[in-house]
Amino acid sequence: ANATLDPICFEEDGNGRVLGTGLRGEPRQITRLDELLADREFILGNGEESFSVADVAIGAYLLYVPIFFPDVDVSKWPNVQRYMLQLCQRPAYARAFGGGTSEDLVKILTRKGDSKLFGLF
């Protein structure tokens, strides 16, 4: 996940400073992930027993994007959007990152056509 998602999720300059995100575009890797998730809940399949370290790794990268770039609209990938929502709503995610972060992500990920975070920014 790191080698594939890092350069897509975080566009950096030569010094490692994050300048933007490739999720403002339409990277083919995210489109492929959306296709993969069309018939499954998690990377390895459906049901809680299919949740794996792959979901933790992929989810971590994907969920950092709306934290740092709340204006990014992931609804163009409906299966990825659903996946991100179900991951950030997991109790373990809320415990690890804080309930407030989880709640903020749900608001960001379910917002449609509103480029302002919480109507302020």
C-alpha atoms as a PDB file:
ATOM      1  CA  ALA A   1       0.000   0.000   0.000  1.00  0.00           C
ATOM      2  CA  ASN A   2       2.767   2.445   0.897  1.00  0.00           C
ATOM      3  CA  ALA A   3       4.644   2.313  -2.401  1.00  0.00           C
ATOM      4  CA  THR A   4       1.469   2.498  -4.474  1.00  0.00           C
ATOM      5  CA  LEU A   5      -0.707   4.923  -2.507  1.00  0.00           C
ATOM      6  CA  ASP A   6       1.824   7.378  -1.103  1.00  0.00           C
ATOM      7  CA  PRO A   7       2.635   9.109  -4.421  1.00  0.00           C
ATOM      8  CA  ILE A   8      -1.075   9.164  -5.331  1.00  0.00           C
ATOM      9  CA  CYS A   9      -2.420  10.409  -2.024  1.00  0.00           C
ATOM     10  CA  PHE A  10       0.403  12.844  -1.298  1.00  0.00           C
ATOM     11  CA  GLU A  11       2.183  14.826  -3.988  1.00  0.00           C
ATOM     12  CA  GLU A  12       5.535  15.969  -2.606  1.00  0.00           C
ATOM     13  CA  ASP A  13       8.347  18.235  -3.676  1.00  0.00           C
ATOM     14  CA  GLY A  14      11.971  17.086  -3.767  1.00  0.00           C
ATOM     15  CA  ASN A  15      12.327  17.779  -0.035  1.00  0.00           C
ATOM     16  CA  GLY A  16       9.394  15.593   1.010  1.00  0.00           C
ATOM     17  CA  ARG A  17       7.006  18.480   1.661  1.00  0.00           C
ATOM     18  CA  VAL A  18       3.427  17.604   0.789  1.00  0.00           C
ATOM     19  CA  LEU A  19       2.089  20.003  -1.832  1.00  0.00           C
ATOM     20  CA  GLY A  20      -1.196  18.387  -2.746  1.00  0.00           C
ATOM     21  CA  THR A  21      -3.017  15.174  -3.445  1.00  0.00           C
ATOM     22  CA  GLY A  22      -3.515  13.163  -6.595  1.00  0.00           C
ATOM     23  CA  LEU A  23      -7.063  12.382  -5.493  1.00  0.00           C
ATOM     24  CA  ARG A  24      -8.148  15.689  -6.993  1.00  0.00           C
ATOM     25  CA  GLY A  25      -7.579  13.967 -10.329  1.00  0.00           C
ATOM     26  CA  GLU A  26      -8.653  10.494 -11.351  1.00  0.00           C
ATOM     27  CA  PRO A  27      -5.723   8.138 -10.763  1.00  0.00           C
ATOM     28  CA  ARG A  28      -6.260   4.778 -12.444  1.00  0.00           C
ATOM     29  CA  GLN A  29      -5.157   2.934  -9.295  1.00  0.00           C
ATOM     30  CA  ILE A  30      -8.036   4.427  -7.296  1.00  0.00           C
ATOM     31  CA  THR A  31     -10.451   3.655 -10.124  1.00  0.00           C
ATOM     32  CA  ARG A  32      -9.198   0.058 -10.030  1.00  0.00           C
ATOM     33  CA  LEU A  33      -9.642  -0.049  -6.245  1.00  0.00           C
ATOM     34  CA  ASP A  34     -13.204   1.222  -6.722  1.00  0.00           C
ATOM     35  CA  GLU A  35     -13.847  -1.614  -9.175  1.00  0.00           C
ATOM     36  CA  LEU A  36     -12.347  -4.158  -6.769  1.00  0.00           C
ATOM     37  CA  LEU A  37     -14.567  -2.939  -3.932  1.00  0.00           C
ATOM     38  CA  ALA A  38     -17.739  -3.087  -6.044  1.00  0.00           C
ATOM     39  CA  ASP A  39     -18.596  -6.566  -4.822  1.00  0.00           C
ATOM     40  CA  ARG A  40     -16.800  -6.707  -1.497  1.00  0.00           C
ATOM     41  CA  GLU A  41     -16.812  -4.989   1.829  1.00  0.00           C
ATOM     42  CA  PHE A  42     -13.086  -5.288   2.466  1.00  0.00           C
ATOM     43  CA  ILE A  43     -10.018  -5.997   0.331  1.00  0.00           C
ATOM     44  CA  LEU A  44     -10.166  -9.751   0.997  1.00  0.00           C
ATOM     45  CA  GLY A  45     -13.932 -10.139   0.798  1.00  0.00           C
ATOM     46  CA  ASN A  46     -17.122  -9.682   2.781  1.00  0.00           C
ATOM     47  CA  GLY A  47     -17.838 -10.020   6.469  1.00  0.00           C
ATOM     48  CA  GLU A  48     -15.886  -9.093   9.541  1.00  0.00           C
ATOM     49  CA  GLU A  49     -13.595 -12.116   9.126  1.00  0.00           C
ATOM     50  CA  SER A  50     -12.353 -10.571   5.851  1.00  0.00           C
ATOM     51  CA  PHE A  51     -11.115  -7.384   7.517  1.00  0.00           C
ATOM     52  CA  SER A  52      -7.300  -7.588   7.415  1.00  0.00           C
ATOM     53  CA  VAL A  53      -4.032  -5.721   7.707  1.00  0.00           C
ATOM     54  CA  ALA A  54      -4.500  -4.817   4.024  1.00  0.00           C
ATOM     55  CA  ASP A  55      -7.540  -2.733   5.002  1.00  0.00           C
ATOM     56  CA  VAL A  56      -5.578  -1.070   7.801  1.00  0.00           C
ATOM     57  CA  ALA A  57      -2.731  -0.133   5.434  1.00  0.00           C
ATOM     58  CA  ILE A  58      -4.907   1.027   2.541  1.00  0.00           C
ATOM     59  CA  GLY A  59      -7.416   2.719   4.821  1.00  0.00           C
ATOM     60  CA  ALA A  60      -4.728   4.667   6.657  1.00  0.00           C
ATOM     61  CA  TYR A  61      -3.504   6.289   3.444  1.00  0.00           C
ATOM     62  CA  LEU A  62      -6.958   6.970   2.074  1.00  0.00           C
ATOM     63  CA  LEU A  63      -8.286   8.421   5.329  1.00  0.00           C
ATOM     64  CA  TYR A  64      -5.371  10.809   5.773  1.00  0.00           C
ATOM     65  CA  VAL A  65      -6.313  12.564   2.522  1.00  0.00           C
ATOM     66  CA  PRO A  66      -9.609  14.133   3.738  1.00  0.00           C
ATOM     67  CA  ILE A  67      -7.955  15.062   7.022  1.00  0.00           C
ATOM     68  CA  PHE A  68      -5.349  17.172   5.206  1.00  0.00           C
ATOM     69  CA  PHE A  69      -7.399  18.002   2.085  1.00  0.00           C
ATOM     70  CA  PRO A  70     -11.056  18.221   3.184  1.00  0.00           C
ATOM     71  CA  ASP A  71     -12.076  19.738  -0.158  1.00  0.00           C
ATOM     72  CA  VAL A  72     -11.300  16.512  -2.059  1.00  0.00           C
ATOM     73  CA  ASP A  73     -14.459  14.822  -3.314  1.00  0.00           C
ATOM     74  CA  VAL A  74     -14.124  11.045  -3.270  1.00  0.00           C
ATOM     75  CA  SER A  75     -17.748  10.471  -4.300  1.00  0.00           C
ATOM     76  CA  LYS A  76     -16.537   9.940  -7.873  1.00  0.00           C
ATOM     77  CA  TRP A  77     -15.428   6.544  -6.533  1.00  0.00           C
ATOM     78  CA  PRO A  78     -18.592   5.419  -4.702  1.00  0.00           C
ATOM     79  CA  ASN A  79     -17.171   2.082  -3.558  1.00  0.00           C
ATOM     80  CA  VAL A  80     -13.998   3.708  -2.232  1.00  0.00           C
ATOM     81  CA  GLN A  81     -16.127   6.325  -0.480  1.00  0.00           C
ATOM     82  CA  ARG A  82     -18.242   3.593   1.172  1.00  0.00           C
ATOM     83  CA  TYR A  83     -15.067   1.707   2.136  1.00  0.00           C
ATOM     84  CA  MET A  84     -13.538   4.817   3.701  1.00  0.00           C
ATOM     85  CA  LEU A  85     -16.741   5.520   5.632  1.00  0.00           C
ATOM     86  CA  GLN A  86     -17.000   2.026   7.035  1.00  0.00           C
ATOM     87  CA  LEU A  87     -13.331   2.043   8.034  1.00  0.00           C
ATOM     88  CA  CYS A  88     -13.444   5.378   9.870  1.00  0.00           C
ATOM     89  CA  GLN A  89     -16.602   4.285  11.693  1.00  0.00           C
ATOM     90  CA  ARG A  90     -14.957   1.180  13.135  1.00  0.00           C
ATOM     91  CA  PRO A  91     -14.672   1.454  16.930  1.00  0.00           C
ATOM     92  CA  ALA A  92     -10.948   0.663  16.799  1.00  0.00           C
ATOM     93  CA  TYR A  93     -10.380   3.557  14.380  1.00  0.00           C
ATOM     94  CA  ALA A  94     -12.188   5.955  16.709  1.00  0.00           C
ATOM     95  CA  ARG A  95     -10.109   4.695  19.645  1.00  0.00           C
ATOM     96  CA  ALA A  96      -6.843   5.046  17.722  1.00  0.00           C
ATOM     97  CA  PHE A  97      -7.472   8.452  16.151  1.00  0.00           C
ATOM     98  CA  GLY A  98     -10.085   9.866  18.496  1.00  0.00           C
ATOM     99  CA  GLY A  99     -13.836   9.957  18.174  1.00  0.00           C
ATOM    100  CA  GLY A 100     -13.728  13.546  16.963  1.00  0.00           C
ATOM    101  CA  THR A 101     -11.532  12.609  14.005  1.00  0.00           C
ATOM    102  CA  SER A 102     -13.866   9.778  13.078  1.00  0.00           C
ATOM    103  CA  GLU A 103     -16.900  12.076  13.293  1.00  0.00           C
ATOM    104  CA  ASP A 104     -15.163  14.769  11.229  1.00  0.00           C
ATOM    105  CA  LEU A 105     -14.264  12.230   8.547  1.00  0.00           C
ATOM    106  CA  VAL A 106     -17.855  11.035   8.314  1.00  0.00           C
ATOM    107  CA  LYS A 107     -18.986  14.636   7.777  1.00  0.00           C
ATOM    108  CA  ILE A 108     -16.322  15.255   5.146  1.00  0.00           C
ATOM    109  CA  LEU A 109     -16.923  11.981   3.309  1.00  0.00           C
ATOM    110  CA  THR A 110     -20.706  12.370   3.161  1.00  0.00           C
ATOM    111  CA  ARG A 111     -20.667  15.992   2.033  1.00  0.00           C
ATOM    112  CA  LYS A 112     -21.757  16.441  -1.578  1.00  0.00           C
ATOM    113  CA  GLY A 113     -20.879  19.473  -3.624  1.00  0.00           C
ATOM    114  CA  ASP A 114     -20.007  21.570  -0.588  1.00  0.00           C
ATOM    115  CA  SER A 115     -16.410  22.713  -0.807  1.00  0.00           C
ATOM    116  CA  LYS A 116     -16.471  24.286   2.655  1.00  0.00           C
ATOM    117  CA  LEU A 117     -15.480  22.282   5.684  1.00  0.00           C
ATOM    118  CA  PHE A 118     -18.298  22.602   8.202  1.00  0.00           C
ATOM    119  CA  GLY A 119     -19.522  25.608   6.226  1.00  0.00           C
ATOM    120  CA  LEU A 120     -16.568  27.707   7.407  1.00  0.00           C
ATOM    121  CA  PHE A 121     -13.487  27.137   5.257  1.00  0.00           C
END
